[in-house]
C-alpha atoms as a PDB file:
ATOM      1  CA  MET A   1     194.779  56.089  60.873  1.00  0.00           C
ATOM      2  CA  ILE A   2     195.614  52.465  60.089  1.00  0.00           C
ATOM      3  CA  ILE A   3     193.099  50.321  58.205  1.00  0.00           C
ATOM      4  CA  ASP A   4     193.418  46.598  57.530  1.00  0.00           C
ATOM      5  CA  PHE A   5     191.469  46.133  54.289  1.00  0.00           C
ATOM      6  CA  HIS A   6     191.492  42.324  54.269  1.00  0.00           C
ATOM      7  CA  THR A   7     190.386  40.243  57.266  1.00  0.00           C
ATOM      8  CA  HIS A   8     188.115  37.286  57.960  1.00  0.00           C
ATOM      9  CA  THR A   9     186.041  36.068  60.894  1.00  0.00           C
ATOM     10  CA  PHE A  10     183.419  33.384  61.372  1.00  0.00           C
ATOM     11  CA  PRO A  11     180.313  33.156  63.574  1.00  0.00           C
ATOM     12  CA  GLU A  12     181.405  32.178  67.071  1.00  0.00           C
ATOM     13  CA  GLN A  13     179.533  28.863  67.028  1.00  0.00           C
ATOM     14  CA  ILE A  14     181.454  27.587  63.990  1.00  0.00           C
ATOM     15  CA  ALA A  15     184.713  29.563  64.159  1.00  0.00           C
ATOM     16  CA  LYS A  16     186.859  26.880  65.783  1.00  0.00           C
ATOM     17  CA  ARG A  17     185.703  24.187  63.364  1.00  0.00           C
ATOM     18  CA  ALA A  18     185.961  26.435  60.295  1.00  0.00           C
ATOM     19  CA  ILE A  19     189.473  27.644  61.152  1.00  0.00           C
ATOM     20  CA  ALA A  20     190.708  24.105  61.790  1.00  0.00           C
ATOM     21  CA  LYS A  21     189.240  22.841  58.513  1.00  0.00           C
ATOM     22  CA  LEU A  22     190.648  25.677  56.401  1.00  0.00           C
ATOM     23  CA  SER A  23     194.044  25.563  58.088  1.00  0.00           C
ATOM     24  CA  HIS A  24     194.272  21.831  57.443  1.00  0.00           C
ATOM     25  CA  SER A  25     193.094  22.000  53.822  1.00  0.00           C
ATOM     26  CA  ALA A  26     195.606  24.737  52.994  1.00  0.00           C
ATOM     27  CA  HIS A  27     198.336  23.287  55.254  1.00  0.00           C
ATOM     28  CA  ILE A  28     198.961  26.709  56.782  1.00  0.00           C
ATOM     29  CA  LYS A  29     199.202  28.164  60.275  1.00  0.00           C
ATOM     30  CA  HIS A  30     196.456  30.392  61.681  1.00  0.00           C
ATOM     31  CA  TYR A  31     197.105  33.281  64.077  1.00  0.00           C
ATOM     32  CA  SER A  32     193.617  33.820  65.478  1.00  0.00           C
ATOM     33  CA  ASP A  33     190.697  31.701  66.575  1.00  0.00           C
ATOM     34  CA  GLY A  34     188.584  33.283  63.838  1.00  0.00           C
ATOM     35  CA  THR A  35     186.142  35.084  66.139  1.00  0.00           C
ATOM     36  CA  LEU A  36     185.242  38.757  65.988  1.00  0.00           C
ATOM     37  CA  GLU A  37     186.407  39.290  69.565  1.00  0.00           C
ATOM     38  CA  ASP A  38     189.827  37.836  68.820  1.00  0.00           C
ATOM     39  CA  LEU A  39     190.107  40.044  65.721  1.00  0.00           C
ATOM     40  CA  LYS A  40     189.394  43.128  67.826  1.00  0.00           C
ATOM     41  CA  GLU A  41     192.001  42.077  70.380  1.00  0.00           C
ATOM     42  CA  ASN A  42     194.578  41.626  67.623  1.00  0.00           C
ATOM     43  CA  MET A  43     193.650  45.004  66.124  1.00  0.00           C
ATOM     44  CA  LYS A  44     194.197  46.646  69.490  1.00  0.00           C
ATOM     45  CA  ALA A  45     197.572  44.944  69.951  1.00  0.00           C
ATOM     46  CA  ALA A  46     198.697  46.034  66.478  1.00  0.00           C
ATOM     47  CA  GLY A  47     197.365  49.589  66.756  1.00  0.00           C
ATOM     48  CA  ILE A  48     194.910  49.141  63.871  1.00  0.00           C
ATOM     49  CA  ASP A  49     191.960  51.553  63.876  1.00  0.00           C
ATOM     50  CA  TYR A  50     189.639  49.813  61.421  1.00  0.00           C
ATOM     51  CA  ALA A  51     189.423  46.363  59.835  1.00  0.00           C
ATOM     52  CA  VAL A  52     187.353  45.292  56.840  1.00  0.00           C
ATOM     53  CA  LEU A  53     185.698  41.875  56.980  1.00  0.00           C
ATOM     54  CA  LEU A  54     185.486  39.972  53.702  1.00  0.00           C
ATOM     55  CA  PRO A  55     182.877  37.188  53.852  1.00  0.00           C
ATOM     56  CA  VAL A  56     182.827  34.496  51.178  1.00  0.00           C
ATOM     57  CA  VAL A  57     179.552  33.125  49.804  1.00  0.00           C
ATOM     58  CA  THR A  58     180.337  29.554  48.731  1.00  0.00           C
ATOM     59  CA  LYS A  59     176.692  28.641  48.045  1.00  0.00           C
ATOM     60  CA  PRO A  60     173.975  30.953  46.669  1.00  0.00           C
ATOM     61  CA  ALA A  61     171.720  30.362  49.689  1.00  0.00           C
ATOM     62  CA  GLN A  62     174.363  31.719  52.082  1.00  0.00           C
ATOM     63  CA  GLN A  63     174.172  35.298  50.875  1.00  0.00           C
ATOM     64  CA  GLU A  64     171.071  36.241  52.863  1.00  0.00           C
ATOM     65  CA  ASP A  65     172.534  35.448  56.297  1.00  0.00           C
ATOM     66  CA  ILE A  66     175.973  36.781  55.377  1.00  0.00           C
ATOM     67  CA  ASN A  67     174.600  40.090  54.116  1.00  0.00           C
ATOM     68  CA  ARG A  68     172.265  40.521  57.049  1.00  0.00           C
ATOM     69  CA  LEU A  69     175.252  40.119  59.375  1.00  0.00           C
ATOM     70  CA  ALA A  70     177.264  42.598  57.290  1.00  0.00           C
ATOM     71  CA  ILE A  71     174.527  45.206  57.632  1.00  0.00           C
ATOM     72  CA  GLU A  72     174.327  44.607  61.392  1.00  0.00           C
ATOM     73  CA  THR A  73     178.103  44.812  61.737  1.00  0.00           C
ATOM     74  CA  ASN A  74     178.280  48.130  59.898  1.00  0.00           C
ATOM     75  CA  ALA A  75     175.587  49.680  62.079  1.00  0.00           C
ATOM     76  CA  CYS A  76     178.116  49.962  64.920  1.00  0.00           C
ATOM     77  CA  TYR A  77     181.472  50.131  63.108  1.00  0.00           C
ATOM     78  CA  ARG A  78     182.435  53.451  64.715  1.00  0.00           C
ATOM     79  CA  GLU A  79     182.321  51.785  68.130  1.00  0.00           C
ATOM     80  CA  THR A  80     183.911  48.463  67.123  1.00  0.00           C
ATOM     81  CA  GLY A  81     186.290  49.579  64.375  1.00  0.00           C
ATOM     82  CA  VAL A  82     185.042  46.706  62.215  1.00  0.00           C
ATOM     83  CA  LEU A  83     183.286  47.133  58.857  1.00  0.00           C
ATOM     84  CA  SER A  84     182.035  44.377  56.600  1.00  0.00           C
ATOM     85  CA  PHE A  85     181.637  43.926  52.882  1.00  0.00           C
ATOM     86  CA  GLY A  86     178.731  41.928  51.581  1.00  0.00           C
ATOM     87  CA  GLY A  87     178.879  38.694  49.653  1.00  0.00           C
ATOM     88  CA  ILE A  88     177.320  37.288  46.524  1.00  0.00           C
ATOM     89  CA  HIS A  89     177.580  34.104  44.471  1.00  0.00           C
ATOM     90  CA  PRO A  90     177.671  34.099  40.646  1.00  0.00           C
ATOM     91  CA  ASP A  91     174.684  31.731  40.691  1.00  0.00           C
ATOM     92  CA  ASN A  92     172.492  34.198  42.566  1.00  0.00           C
ATOM     93  CA  ASP A  93     169.996  34.942  39.791  1.00  0.00           C
ATOM     94  CA  ASN A  94     168.651  37.910  41.773  1.00  0.00           C
ATOM     95  CA  TYR A  95     172.089  39.526  41.862  1.00  0.00           C
ATOM     96  CA  LYS A  96     170.688  42.959  40.959  1.00  0.00           C
ATOM     97  CA  GLU A  97     168.348  42.894  43.933  1.00  0.00           C
ATOM     98  CA  ILE A  98     171.115  41.693  46.271  1.00  0.00           C
ATOM     99  CA  ILE A  99     173.565  44.365  45.163  1.00  0.00           C
ATOM    100  CA  LYS A 100     170.999  47.166  45.339  1.00  0.00           C
ATOM    101  CA  ASN A 101     170.013  46.066  48.847  1.00  0.00           C
ATOM    102  CA  LEU A 102     173.640  46.232  49.959  1.00  0.00           C
ATOM    103  CA  ALA A 103     174.052  49.677  48.430  1.00  0.00           C
ATOM    104  CA  ASP A 104     170.812  50.906  50.022  1.00  0.00           C
ATOM    105  CA  HIS A 105     172.129  49.789  53.416  1.00  0.00           C
ATOM    106  CA  LYS A 106     175.458  51.595  52.856  1.00  0.00           C
ATOM    107  CA  VAL A 107     177.523  48.404  52.699  1.00  0.00           C
ATOM    108  CA  PRO A 108     180.687  49.696  50.985  1.00  0.00           C
ATOM    109  CA  GLY A 109     181.512  46.733  48.768  1.00  0.00           C
ATOM    110  CA  ILE A 110     181.274  43.064  47.858  1.00  0.00           C
ATOM    111  CA  LYS A 111     183.770  40.230  48.163  1.00  0.00           C
ATOM    112  CA  LEU A 112     184.198  37.666  45.378  1.00  0.00           C
ATOM    113  CA  HIS A 113     186.270  34.492  45.558  1.00  0.00           C
ATOM    114  CA  PRO A 114     186.393  32.704  42.194  1.00  0.00           C
ATOM    115  CA  VAL A 115     188.479  29.825  43.593  1.00  0.00           C
ATOM    116  CA  PHE A 116     186.144  29.003  46.477  1.00  0.00           C
ATOM    117  CA  GLN A 117     183.136  29.644  44.227  1.00  0.00           C
ATOM    118  CA  GLN A 118     184.718  27.449  41.515  1.00  0.00           C
ATOM    119  CA  ILE A 119     183.839  29.812  38.645  1.00  0.00           C
ATOM    120  CA  ASP A 120     186.232  31.629  36.315  1.00  0.00           C
ATOM    121  CA  PHE A 121     186.486  35.354  36.973  1.00  0.00           C
ATOM    122  CA  ASP A 122     185.910  36.154  33.296  1.00  0.00           C
ATOM    123  CA  ASP A 123     182.671  34.132  33.266  1.00  0.00           C
ATOM    124  CA  ILE A 124     179.634  36.129  32.114  1.00  0.00           C
ATOM    125  CA  ARG A 125     178.035  35.712  35.547  1.00  0.00           C
ATOM    126  CA  TYR A 126     180.872  37.620  37.174  1.00  0.00           C
ATOM    127  CA  LEU A 127     180.851  40.248  34.435  1.00  0.00           C
ATOM    128  CA  LYS A 128     177.180  40.967  35.167  1.00  0.00           C
ATOM    129  CA  ILE A 129     177.963  41.308  38.878  1.00  0.00           C
ATOM    130  CA  LEU A 130     180.876  43.654  38.155  1.00  0.00           C
ATOM    131  CA  GLU A 131     178.668  45.855  35.980  1.00  0.00           C
ATOM    132  CA  CYS A 132     175.872  45.979  38.540  1.00  0.00           C
ATOM    133  CA  ALA A 133     178.237  46.707  41.433  1.00  0.00           C
ATOM    134  CA  CYS A 134     179.712  49.610  39.453  1.00  0.00           C
ATOM    135  CA  GLU A 135     176.241  50.974  38.726  1.00  0.00           C
ATOM    136  CA  ASN A 136     175.597  50.946  42.485  1.00  0.00           C
ATOM    137  CA  ASN A 137     178.989  52.519  43.281  1.00  0.00           C
ATOM    138  CA  LEU A 138     180.222  49.538  45.315  1.00  0.00           C
ATOM    139  CA  ILE A 139     183.837  48.530  45.813  1.00  0.00           C
ATOM    140  CA  ILE A 140     184.558  45.096  44.350  1.00  0.00           C
ATOM    141  CA  LEU A 141     187.260  43.054  46.068  1.00  0.00           C
ATOM    142  CA  THR A 142     188.193  39.710  44.596  1.00  0.00           C
ATOM    143  CA  HIS A 143     190.653  37.025  45.484  1.00  0.00           C
ATOM    144  CA  ALA A 144     193.397  37.076  42.859  1.00  0.00           C
ATOM    145  CA  GLY A 145     195.811  34.353  41.833  1.00  0.00           C
ATOM    146  CA  PHE A 146     196.040  30.841  43.186  1.00  0.00           C
ATOM    147  CA  ASP A 147     194.911  29.569  46.593  1.00  0.00           C
ATOM    148  CA  ALA A 148     196.687  27.289  49.034  1.00  0.00           C
ATOM    149  CA  SER A 149     193.541  25.174  49.451  1.00  0.00           C
ATOM    150  CA  PHE A 150     193.214  24.525  45.711  1.00  0.00           C
ATOM    151  CA  PRO A 151     196.717  24.117  44.225  1.00  0.00           C
ATOM    152  CA  GLY A 152     196.847  24.848  40.503  1.00  0.00           C
ATOM    153  CA  ALA A 153     193.275  26.166  40.196  1.00  0.00           C
ATOM    154  CA  ASP A 154     193.419  29.265  37.988  1.00  0.00           C
ATOM    155  CA  PHE A 155     189.863  30.584  38.396  1.00  0.00           C
ATOM    156  CA  ALA A 156     191.288  33.985  39.373  1.00  0.00           C
ATOM    157  CA  SER A 157     194.490  34.114  37.327  1.00  0.00           C
ATOM    158  CA  PRO A 158     195.814  37.543  36.262  1.00  0.00           C
ATOM    159  CA  ALA A 159     194.941  36.641  32.660  1.00  0.00           C
ATOM    160  CA  ARG A 160     191.279  36.036  33.555  1.00  0.00           C
ATOM    161  CA  ILE A 161     191.161  39.173  35.676  1.00  0.00           C
ATOM    162  CA  ARG A 162     192.626  41.206  32.828  1.00  0.00           C
ATOM    163  CA  ARG A 163     189.981  39.923  30.408  1.00  0.00           C
ATOM    164  CA  ALA A 164     187.169  40.749  32.829  1.00  0.00           C
ATOM    165  CA  TYR A 165     188.605  44.182  33.555  1.00  0.00           C
ATOM    166  CA  LYS A 166     188.928  45.050  29.864  1.00  0.00           C
ATOM    167  CA  GLU A 167     185.312  43.957  29.302  1.00  0.00           C
ATOM    168  CA  VAL A 168     183.721  45.937  32.149  1.00  0.00           C
ATOM    169  CA  ARG A 169     186.386  48.436  33.299  1.00  0.00           C
ATOM    170  CA  PRO A 170     185.175  48.669  36.919  1.00  0.00           C
ATOM    171  CA  ASN A 171     186.399  51.844  38.594  1.00  0.00           C
ATOM    172  CA  LYS A 172     186.732  50.469  42.123  1.00  0.00           C
ATOM    173  CA  LEU A 173     188.181  46.994  41.648  1.00  0.00           C
ATOM    174  CA  VAL A 174     190.508  45.742  44.394  1.00  0.00           C
ATOM    175  CA  LEU A 175     192.644  42.684  43.685  1.00  0.00           C
ATOM    176  CA  ALA A 176     193.719  40.800  46.775  1.00  0.00           C
ATOM    177  CA  HIS A 177     197.238  39.441  47.235  1.00  0.00           C
ATOM    178  CA  MET A 178     198.894  42.092  45.026  1.00  0.00           C
ATOM    179  CA  GLY A 179     196.941  40.901  42.032  1.00  0.00           C
ATOM    180  CA  GLY A 180     197.987  37.266  41.999  1.00  0.00           C
ATOM    181  CA  TRP A 181     198.896  35.043  44.926  1.00  0.00           C
ATOM    182  CA  ALA A 182     201.744  32.717  43.944  1.00  0.00           C
ATOM    183  CA  CYS A 183     201.847  34.194  40.418  1.00  0.00           C
ATOM    184  CA  PHE A 184     203.265  37.644  41.073  1.00  0.00           C
ATOM    185  CA  ASP A 185     205.233  37.820  37.806  1.00  0.00           C
ATOM    186  CA  GLU A 186     202.072  37.371  35.754  1.00  0.00           C
ATOM    187  CA  ALA A 187     200.232  39.928  37.877  1.00  0.00           C
ATOM    188  CA  GLU A 188     202.986  42.493  37.397  1.00  0.00           C
ATOM    189  CA  GLU A 189     203.076  41.965  33.636  1.00  0.00           C
ATOM    190  CA  LEU A 190     199.427  41.447  32.711  1.00  0.00           C
ATOM    191  CA  LEU A 191     197.796  44.027  34.986  1.00  0.00           C
ATOM    192  CA  ALA A 192     200.202  46.910  34.452  1.00  0.00           C
ATOM    193  CA  ASP A 193     197.798  48.853  32.215  1.00  0.00           C
ATOM    194  CA  CYS A 194     194.713  48.261  34.393  1.00  0.00           C
ATOM    195  CA  SER A 195     193.437  51.000  36.701  1.00  0.00           C
ATOM    196  CA  ILE A 196     192.986  48.864  39.809  1.00  0.00           C
ATOM    197  CA  TYR A 197     193.744  48.733  43.506  1.00  0.00           C
ATOM    198  CA  LEU A 198     195.948  46.015  44.978  1.00  0.00           C
ATOM    199  CA  ASP A 199     195.858  44.838  48.580  1.00  0.00           C
ATOM    200  CA  THR A 200     198.928  43.415  50.278  1.00  0.00           C
ATOM    201  CA  ALA A 201     197.191  40.488  52.016  1.00  0.00           C
ATOM    202  CA  TYR A 202     199.435  37.446  52.398  1.00  0.00           C
ATOM    203  CA  SER A 203     201.813  38.623  49.680  1.00  0.00           C
ATOM    204  CA  LEU A 204     204.816  39.865  51.658  1.00  0.00           C
ATOM    205  CA  SER A 205     204.403  37.390  54.511  1.00  0.00           C
ATOM    206  CA  PRO A 206     206.231  34.051  54.460  1.00  0.00           C
ATOM    207  CA  LEU A 207     204.054  30.966  54.248  1.00  0.00           C
ATOM    208  CA  ARG A 208     204.126  28.913  57.449  1.00  0.00           C
ATOM    209  CA  ALA A 209     202.869  25.366  57.793  1.00  0.00           C
ATOM    210  CA  GLU A 210     200.406  24.285  60.472  1.00  0.00           C
ATOM    211  CA  ASP A 211     203.279  23.545  62.871  1.00  0.00           C
ATOM    212  CA  GLY A 212     204.756  27.021  62.321  1.00  0.00           C
ATOM    213  CA  SER A 213     207.669  25.918  60.139  1.00  0.00           C
ATOM    214  CA  MET A 214     208.526  27.778  56.947  1.00  0.00           C
ATOM    215  CA  VAL A 215     207.112  26.305  53.745  1.00  0.00           C
ATOM    216  CA  SER A 216     209.688  25.415  51.096  1.00  0.00           C
ATOM    217  CA  ALA A 217     210.457  28.144  48.571  1.00  0.00           C
ATOM    218  CA  GLU A 218     209.891  25.557  45.852  1.00  0.00           C
ATOM    219  CA  TYR A 219     206.220  25.593  46.815  1.00  0.00           C
ATOM    220  CA  TYR A 220     205.748  29.304  47.531  1.00  0.00           C
ATOM    221  CA  SER A 221     207.887  32.419  47.843  1.00  0.00           C
ATOM    222  CA  PRO A 222     206.493  35.724  49.105  1.00  0.00           C
ATOM    223  CA  LEU A 223     206.651  38.811  46.936  1.00  0.00           C
ATOM    224  CA  SER A 224     210.181  40.200  47.079  1.00  0.00           C
ATOM    225  CA  ARG A 225     210.805  43.726  48.314  1.00  0.00           C
ATOM    226  CA  GLU A 226     212.100  44.724  44.872  1.00  0.00           C
ATOM    227  CA  GLN A 227     209.066  43.399  43.025  1.00  0.00           C
ATOM    228  CA  PHE A 228     206.691  44.915  45.568  1.00  0.00           C
ATOM    229  CA  LEU A 229     208.239  48.357  45.048  1.00  0.00           C
ATOM    230  CA  SER A 230     208.103  47.849  41.286  1.00  0.00           C
ATOM    231  CA  MET A 231     204.375  47.095  41.436  1.00  0.00           C
ATOM    232  CA  VAL A 232     203.788  50.095  43.694  1.00  0.00           C
ATOM    233  CA  GLN A 233     205.513  52.265  41.112  1.00  0.00           C
ATOM    234  CA  ILE A 234     203.430  50.776  38.278  1.00  0.00           C
ATOM    235  CA  HIS A 235     200.052  51.299  39.936  1.00  0.00           C
ATOM    236  CA  GLY A 236     200.903  54.210  42.227  1.00  0.00           C
ATOM    237  CA  ALA A 237     201.188  54.206  46.005  1.00  0.00           C
ATOM    238  CA  ASP A 238     197.702  55.721  46.115  1.00  0.00           C
ATOM    239  CA  HIS A 239     196.314  52.419  44.741  1.00  0.00           C
ATOM    240  CA  ILE A 240     197.873  50.041  47.277  1.00  0.00           C
ATOM    241  CA  LEU A 241     195.916  48.935  50.365  1.00  0.00           C
ATOM    242  CA  PHE A 242     197.306  47.300  53.478  1.00  0.00           C
ATOM    243  CA  GLY A 243     195.713  43.935  54.208  1.00  0.00           C
ATOM    244  CA  SER A 244     196.805  41.241  56.634  1.00  0.00           C
ATOM    245  CA  ASP A 245     194.489  38.368  55.643  1.00  0.00           C
ATOM    246  CA  SER A 246     193.974  37.717  59.354  1.00  0.00           C
ATOM    247  CA  PRO A 247     193.644  35.030  60.719  1.00  0.00           C
ATOM    248  CA  TRP A 248     196.188  33.618  58.248  1.00  0.00           C
ATOM    249  CA  THR A 249     198.942  36.081  59.156  1.00  0.00           C
ATOM    250  CA  ASP A 250     199.873  38.051  62.236  1.00  0.00           C
ATOM    251  CA  MET A 251     198.490  41.587  61.929  1.00  0.00           C
ATOM    252  CA  THR A 252     201.476  43.260  63.591  1.00  0.00           C
ATOM    253  CA  GLU A 253     203.976  41.351  61.464  1.00  0.00           C
ATOM    254  CA  SER A 254     202.039  42.187  58.283  1.00  0.00           C
ATOM    255  CA  MET A 255     202.000  45.869  59.185  1.00  0.00           C
ATOM    256  CA  ASN A 256     205.714  45.891  59.985  1.00  0.00           C
ATOM    257  CA  LEU A 257     206.478  44.314  56.603  1.00  0.00           C
ATOM    258  CA  ILE A 258     204.927  47.390  54.962  1.00  0.00           C
ATOM    259  CA  ARG A 259     207.002  49.684  57.172  1.00  0.00           C
ATOM    260  CA  GLU A 260     210.171  47.780  56.289  1.00  0.00           C
ATOM    261  CA  SER A 261     209.424  47.472  52.569  1.00  0.00           C
ATOM    262  CA  GLY A 262     211.309  50.543  51.394  1.00  0.00           C
ATOM    263  CA  LEU A 263     208.276  52.789  50.915  1.00  0.00           C
ATOM    264  CA  THR A 264     208.763  56.441  51.832  1.00  0.00           C
ATOM    265  CA  PRO A 265     207.034  57.690  55.020  1.00  0.00           C
ATOM    266  CA  ALA A 266     204.360  59.382  52.891  1.00  0.00           C
ATOM    267  CA  GLU A 267     203.788  56.202  50.869  1.00  0.00           C
ATOM    268  CA  GLN A 268     203.557  54.130  54.050  1.00  0.00           C
ATOM    269  CA  LYS A 269     200.936  56.487  55.427  1.00  0.00           C
ATOM    270  CA  ALA A 270     198.920  56.182  52.212  1.00  0.00           C
ATOM    271  CA  VAL A 271     199.144  52.390  52.038  1.00  0.00           C
ATOM    272  CA  LEU A 272     198.480  51.786  55.728  1.00  0.00           C
ATOM    273  CA  GLY A 273     195.339  53.874  55.882  1.00  0.00           C
ATOM    274  CA  GLU A 274     194.835  56.959  53.764  1.00  0.00           C
ATOM    275  CA  ASN A 275     193.935  55.098  50.580  1.00  0.00           C
ATOM    276  CA  ALA A 276     191.452  52.855  52.363  1.00  0.00           C
ATOM    277  CA  ALA A 277     189.900  55.793  54.223  1.00  0.00           C
ATOM    278  CA  ARG A 278     189.321  57.543  50.898  1.00  0.00           C
ATOM    279  CA  LEU A 279     187.753  54.450  49.292  1.00  0.00           C
ATOM    280  CA  LEU A 280     185.557  53.801  52.327  1.00  0.00           C
ATOM    281  CA  ASN A 281     184.653  57.473  52.875  1.00  0.00           C
ATOM    282  CA  LEU A 282     185.853  57.356  56.477  1.00  0.00           C
END
């Protein structure tokens, strides 16, 4: 079983506009039109059995529609192969009610994005959400590191994540982008003693500009094979989750990068699906 733990789609009526805007703001290529149907086609082409959608709530008022769609999506995930996390904003004062509702409807986790939400991950509002999500046995997946759309913004730096982790000690915390997009050294050093999961989304893949050309290494270099294997050893292969970050990378290419990374066959099997299946109770 192969599970992509990190994907994104948009409602069909806004997908084209949203993808174009995000691609332009980050100056990166997109590999899908951002619709659910295109995601399913790409999953089929890559041989991926399940994909996890990670919605981002950029305004508190968005959570209601986003979470309703997540619940609807999960009602038929066995037929579609697509599951969805819920979303929440740190300024949602009724965060306890939102999180309990997601748990009651068997939504497996929540997605946080400190950079897009423009709030530090070690802010008290996030700490309260982390505590409540743990109490409701939800997976917490957060963007980690920098973001191409907001150069230099450290809302989700490894240092902030470490402080939040030490304060709350969530037992099912997943850090996207191997713990720190574009700051892999800090992630390797500062998170080594944290019991966390790391997803591989957009960490091994090269960064390509909107026209498909490679982005200069002076701006961004993907995680090297050696450092990837070092981080796998630190956290354990049973705590690494395959993620493509579709539509921002090609799903097949992302999967092949795991297979060519130097992991043993057993480790590949764990990273590409077994670990996610255990977390998601599939």
